[in-house]
Amino acid sequence: MLRELTGAFAVVTLLVAGVVTGVAGFGLALVGTMALATLLAPAVAVVVMLVPILSTNVSLLGELDADGLRSCARRFWPYVLAALAGTIAGMTLLTGCPGTP
């Protein structure tokens, strides 16, 4: 029973976070991670939030042709590198955080 409630809470949280993002233009990770961390460990909440964000961005990459992909890689490589470094640093630091918010 608890497992089903946790799954339902995660789905509702992702939907609410998506609505906030649609209205405000940002906030999916902020709202979703904060809400999920009330029920799940912070590290698990971060991973759960990464799945829809990553899948959305990967599906958007499929819409680019080769020239568009090269152009994006040339323009945004510093952001991708910073996001990768920040993700690794953040996940490392999360091990020192308390289990509940």
N, C-alpha and C. Protein backbone atom coordinates (compact mmCIF):
# COMPACT_ATOMS: atom_id res chain seq x y z
N MET A 1 0.82 -1.20 0.00
CA MET A 1 0.00 0.00 0.00
C MET A 1 0.86 1.26 0.00
N LEU A 2 1.89 1.26 0.87
CA LEU A 2 2.76 2.43 0.94
C LEU A 2 3.52 2.64 -0.36
N ARG A 3 3.88 1.55 -1.00
CA ARG A 3 4.60 1.63 -2.27
C ARG A 3 3.74 2.29 -3.36
N GLU A 4 2.48 1.91 -3.41
CA GLU A 4 1.57 2.50 -4.40
C GLU A 4 1.33 3.97 -4.12
N LEU A 5 1.20 4.33 -2.84
CA LEU A 5 1.02 5.74 -2.47
C LEU A 5 2.25 6.57 -2.84
N THR A 6 3.42 6.01 -2.63
CA THR A 6 4.65 6.72 -2.99
C THR A 6 4.72 6.93 -4.49
N GLY A 7 4.37 5.91 -5.26
CA GLY A 7 4.36 6.03 -6.72
C GLY A 7 3.35 7.06 -7.19
N ALA A 8 2.17 7.04 -6.59
CA ALA A 8 1.14 8.02 -6.96
C ALA A 8 1.58 9.43 -6.60
N PHE A 9 2.21 9.58 -5.44
CA PHE A 9 2.72 10.89 -5.03
C PHE A 9 3.77 11.39 -6.02
N ALA A 10 4.65 10.49 -6.47
CA ALA A 10 5.69 10.89 -7.43
C ALA A 10 5.06 11.35 -8.74
N VAL A 11 4.06 10.63 -9.22
CA VAL A 11 3.40 11.01 -10.47
C VAL A 11 2.69 12.35 -10.33
N VAL A 12 1.96 12.53 -9.25
CA VAL A 12 1.26 13.81 -9.03
C VAL A 12 2.27 14.94 -8.89
N THR A 13 3.37 14.70 -8.20
CA THR A 13 4.40 15.72 -8.04
C THR A 13 4.97 16.12 -9.39
N LEU A 14 5.25 15.15 -10.25
CA LEU A 14 5.79 15.47 -11.57
C LEU A 14 4.78 16.26 -12.39
N LEU A 15 3.50 15.93 -12.28
CA LEU A 15 2.48 16.67 -13.01
C LEU A 15 2.37 18.11 -12.50
N VAL A 16 2.35 18.29 -11.19
CA VAL A 16 2.27 19.64 -10.62
C VAL A 16 3.51 20.44 -10.98
N ALA A 17 4.67 19.82 -10.90
CA ALA A 17 5.91 20.51 -11.26
C ALA A 17 5.89 20.90 -12.73
N GLY A 18 5.34 20.04 -13.58
CA GLY A 18 5.22 20.38 -15.00
C GLY A 18 4.29 21.55 -15.23
N VAL A 19 3.20 21.61 -14.48
CA VAL A 19 2.27 22.75 -14.60
C VAL A 19 2.97 24.03 -14.16
N VAL A 20 3.71 23.99 -13.06
CA VAL A 20 4.44 25.17 -12.60
C VAL A 20 5.43 25.62 -13.66
N THR A 21 6.11 24.68 -14.27
CA THR A 21 7.06 25.03 -15.34
C THR A 21 6.34 25.66 -16.52
N GLY A 22 5.20 25.10 -16.89
CA GLY A 22 4.44 25.66 -18.01
C GLY A 22 3.96 27.07 -17.74
N VAL A 23 3.57 27.36 -16.50
CA VAL A 23 3.07 28.68 -16.15
C VAL A 23 4.22 29.67 -15.98
N ALA A 24 5.25 29.27 -15.25
CA ALA A 24 6.33 30.20 -14.91
C ALA A 24 7.50 30.14 -15.89
N GLY A 25 7.63 29.06 -16.64
CA GLY A 25 8.75 28.92 -17.56
C GLY A 25 9.96 28.26 -16.93
N PHE A 26 9.90 28.00 -15.65
CA PHE A 26 10.99 27.31 -14.95
C PHE A 26 10.40 26.67 -13.69
N GLY A 27 11.17 25.88 -13.01
CA GLY A 27 10.74 25.36 -11.72
C GLY A 27 10.47 23.88 -11.65
N LEU A 28 10.53 23.15 -12.76
CA LEU A 28 10.25 21.72 -12.71
C LEU A 28 11.16 21.02 -11.72
N ALA A 29 12.45 21.20 -11.85
CA ALA A 29 13.39 20.53 -10.95
C ALA A 29 13.26 21.06 -9.52
N LEU A 30 13.07 22.35 -9.38
CA LEU A 30 12.97 22.95 -8.05
C LEU A 30 11.75 22.43 -7.30
N VAL A 31 10.58 22.55 -7.90
CA VAL A 31 9.34 22.12 -7.24
C VAL A 31 9.31 20.61 -7.10
N GLY A 32 9.65 19.91 -8.14
CA GLY A 32 9.58 18.45 -8.12
C GLY A 32 10.54 17.83 -7.14
N THR A 33 11.78 18.27 -7.13
CA THR A 33 12.77 17.70 -6.23
C THR A 33 12.42 17.99 -4.78
N MET A 34 11.98 19.22 -4.51
CA MET A 34 11.61 19.59 -3.14
C MET A 34 10.45 18.72 -2.66
N ALA A 35 9.44 18.55 -3.48
CA ALA A 35 8.28 17.76 -3.06
C ALA A 35 8.64 16.28 -2.92
N LEU A 36 9.39 15.74 -3.86
CA LEU A 36 9.77 14.33 -3.78
C LEU A 36 10.68 14.05 -2.59
N ALA A 37 11.51 15.03 -2.21
CA ALA A 37 12.43 14.83 -1.09
C ALA A 37 11.70 14.75 0.25
N THR A 38 10.42 15.12 0.28
CA THR A 38 9.66 14.94 1.51
C THR A 38 9.33 13.48 1.77
N LEU A 39 9.29 12.69 0.71
CA LEU A 39 8.97 11.26 0.84
C LEU A 39 10.16 10.34 0.57
N LEU A 40 11.03 10.77 -0.32
CA LEU A 40 12.17 9.95 -0.73
C LEU A 40 13.47 10.57 -0.24
N ALA A 41 14.51 9.79 -0.24
CA ALA A 41 15.83 10.33 0.08
C ALA A 41 16.20 11.39 -0.96
N PRO A 42 16.90 12.46 -0.58
CA PRO A 42 17.24 13.52 -1.54
C PRO A 42 17.94 12.99 -2.79
N ALA A 43 18.84 12.04 -2.63
CA ALA A 43 19.55 11.50 -3.80
C ALA A 43 18.59 10.79 -4.74
N VAL A 44 17.63 10.07 -4.19
CA VAL A 44 16.64 9.38 -5.02
C VAL A 44 15.72 10.39 -5.69
N ALA A 45 15.34 11.44 -4.95
CA ALA A 45 14.48 12.48 -5.52
C ALA A 45 15.15 13.16 -6.72
N VAL A 46 16.44 13.40 -6.61
CA VAL A 46 17.17 14.02 -7.72
C VAL A 46 17.18 13.10 -8.93
N VAL A 47 17.43 11.84 -8.71
CA VAL A 47 17.46 10.88 -9.82
C VAL A 47 16.08 10.77 -10.47
N VAL A 48 15.02 10.73 -9.65
CA VAL A 48 13.67 10.65 -10.20
C VAL A 48 13.37 11.88 -11.05
N MET A 49 13.83 13.04 -10.65
CA MET A 49 13.59 14.27 -11.42
C MET A 49 14.44 14.32 -12.68
N LEU A 50 15.59 13.68 -12.67
CA LEU A 50 16.45 13.70 -13.86
C LEU A 50 15.84 12.92 -15.02
N VAL A 51 15.08 11.89 -14.72
CA VAL A 51 14.54 11.03 -15.78
C VAL A 51 13.64 11.80 -16.75
N PRO A 52 12.60 12.53 -16.28
CA PRO A 52 11.77 13.25 -17.26
C PRO A 52 12.51 14.40 -17.94
N ILE A 53 13.40 15.06 -17.23
CA ILE A 53 14.15 16.17 -17.82
C ILE A 53 15.07 15.63 -18.92
N LEU A 54 15.78 14.56 -18.64
CA LEU A 54 16.69 13.98 -19.62
C LEU A 54 15.92 13.44 -20.82
N SER A 55 14.80 12.77 -20.57
CA SER A 55 14.05 12.20 -21.70
C SER A 55 13.48 13.30 -22.59
N THR A 56 13.04 14.40 -22.00
CA THR A 56 12.54 15.52 -22.79
C THR A 56 13.64 16.11 -23.66
N ASN A 57 14.81 16.32 -23.07
CA ASN A 57 15.90 16.92 -23.82
C ASN A 57 16.43 15.99 -24.91
N VAL A 58 16.47 14.70 -24.62
CA VAL A 58 16.92 13.74 -25.64
C VAL A 58 15.92 13.70 -26.80
N SER A 59 14.63 13.78 -26.49
CA SER A 59 13.64 13.77 -27.58
C SER A 59 13.76 15.04 -28.43
N LEU A 60 14.11 16.16 -27.81
CA LEU A 60 14.31 17.39 -28.57
C LEU A 60 15.53 17.31 -29.48
N LEU A 61 16.56 16.58 -29.04
CA LEU A 61 17.74 16.40 -29.88
C LEU A 61 17.40 15.66 -31.17
N GLY A 62 16.42 14.78 -31.10
CA GLY A 62 16.02 14.03 -32.28
C GLY A 62 15.42 14.90 -33.37
N GLU A 63 15.00 16.11 -33.02
CA GLU A 63 14.42 17.01 -34.01
C GLU A 63 15.46 17.83 -34.77
N LEU A 64 16.72 17.73 -34.35
CA LEU A 64 17.78 18.49 -35.02
C LEU A 64 18.39 17.69 -36.16
N ASP A 65 18.81 18.40 -37.20
CA ASP A 65 19.60 17.75 -38.24
C ASP A 65 21.07 17.86 -37.84
N ALA A 66 21.97 17.35 -38.65
CA ALA A 66 23.39 17.32 -38.30
C ALA A 66 23.96 18.73 -38.13
N ASP A 67 23.59 19.66 -39.01
CA ASP A 67 24.09 21.03 -38.88
C ASP A 67 23.57 21.70 -37.61
N GLY A 68 22.31 21.49 -37.30
CA GLY A 68 21.74 22.05 -36.08
C GLY A 68 22.39 21.49 -34.83
N LEU A 69 22.69 20.19 -34.85
CA LEU A 69 23.34 19.55 -33.72
C LEU A 69 24.75 20.11 -33.52
N ARG A 70 25.49 20.28 -34.61
CA ARG A 70 26.84 20.86 -34.52
C ARG A 70 26.79 22.29 -34.00
N SER A 71 25.82 23.06 -34.49
CA SER A 71 25.66 24.45 -34.06
C SER A 71 25.35 24.51 -32.56
N CYS A 72 24.46 23.66 -32.10
CA CYS A 72 24.12 23.64 -30.67
C CYS A 72 25.32 23.21 -29.83
N ALA A 73 26.04 22.21 -30.29
CA ALA A 73 27.21 21.75 -29.54
C ALA A 73 28.26 22.84 -29.45
N ARG A 74 28.45 23.58 -30.53
CA ARG A 74 29.42 24.67 -30.54
C ARG A 74 29.00 25.80 -29.60
N ARG A 75 27.72 26.11 -29.56
CA ARG A 75 27.23 27.23 -28.76
C ARG A 75 27.07 26.90 -27.29
N PHE A 76 26.68 25.67 -26.99
CA PHE A 76 26.29 25.36 -25.61
C PHE A 76 27.23 24.43 -24.87
N TRP A 77 28.40 24.11 -25.41
CA TRP A 77 29.29 23.18 -24.72
C TRP A 77 29.67 23.66 -23.32
N PRO A 78 29.86 24.99 -23.08
CA PRO A 78 30.19 25.38 -21.70
C PRO A 78 29.06 25.05 -20.71
N TYR A 79 27.82 25.19 -21.15
CA TYR A 79 26.69 24.89 -20.27
C TYR A 79 26.60 23.40 -19.98
N VAL A 80 26.82 22.59 -21.00
CA VAL A 80 26.77 21.14 -20.82
C VAL A 80 27.88 20.70 -19.87
N LEU A 81 29.07 21.25 -20.05
CA LEU A 81 30.20 20.91 -19.17
C LEU A 81 29.92 21.35 -17.74
N ALA A 82 29.39 22.57 -17.56
CA ALA A 82 29.07 23.06 -16.22
C ALA A 82 27.96 22.23 -15.57
N ALA A 83 26.95 21.83 -16.35
CA ALA A 83 25.88 20.99 -15.81
C ALA A 83 26.41 19.63 -15.39
N LEU A 84 27.29 19.06 -16.18
CA LEU A 84 27.88 17.77 -15.84
C LEU A 84 28.71 17.88 -14.57
N ALA A 85 29.55 18.90 -14.48
CA ALA A 85 30.37 19.08 -13.28
C ALA A 85 29.49 19.36 -12.06
N GLY A 86 28.47 20.18 -12.22
CA GLY A 86 27.58 20.48 -11.11
C GLY A 86 26.79 19.27 -10.66
N THR A 87 26.37 18.44 -11.60
CA THR A 87 25.63 17.23 -11.25
C THR A 87 26.51 16.27 -10.46
N ILE A 88 27.72 16.09 -10.92
CA ILE A 88 28.64 15.19 -10.21
C ILE A 88 28.95 15.73 -8.82
N ALA A 89 29.23 17.03 -8.72
CA ALA A 89 29.52 17.64 -7.41
C ALA A 89 28.30 17.57 -6.50
N GLY A 90 27.13 17.86 -7.04
CA GLY A 90 25.91 17.83 -6.23
C GLY A 90 25.59 16.44 -5.71
N MET A 91 25.72 15.44 -6.57
CA MET A 91 25.44 14.07 -6.13
C MET A 91 26.45 13.61 -5.09
N THR A 92 27.68 14.08 -5.21
CA THR A 92 28.70 13.75 -4.21
C THR A 92 28.38 14.40 -2.88
N LEU A 93 27.96 15.67 -2.93
CA LEU A 93 27.64 16.40 -1.70
C LEU A 93 26.35 15.89 -1.05
N LEU A 94 25.44 15.33 -1.83
CA LEU A 94 24.19 14.82 -1.27
C LEU A 94 24.41 13.70 -0.26
N THR A 95 25.51 13.00 -0.38
CA THR A 95 25.76 11.91 0.58
C THR A 95 25.94 12.45 1.99
N GLY A 96 26.32 13.72 2.12
CA GLY A 96 26.50 14.31 3.44
C GLY A 96 25.25 14.98 3.98
N CYS A 97 24.18 15.02 3.20
CA CYS A 97 22.93 15.67 3.64
C CYS A 97 22.13 14.70 4.50
N PRO A 98 21.32 15.27 5.41
CA PRO A 98 20.45 14.39 6.19
C PRO A 98 19.41 13.73 5.28
N GLY A 99 18.88 12.60 5.70
CA GLY A 99 17.95 11.83 4.90
C GLY A 99 16.60 12.48 4.71
N THR A 100 16.20 13.35 5.62
CA THR A 100 14.91 14.02 5.49
C THR A 100 15.11 15.52 5.40
N PRO A 101 14.22 16.21 4.72
CA PRO A 101 14.38 17.66 4.57
C PRO A 101 14.11 18.40 5.87
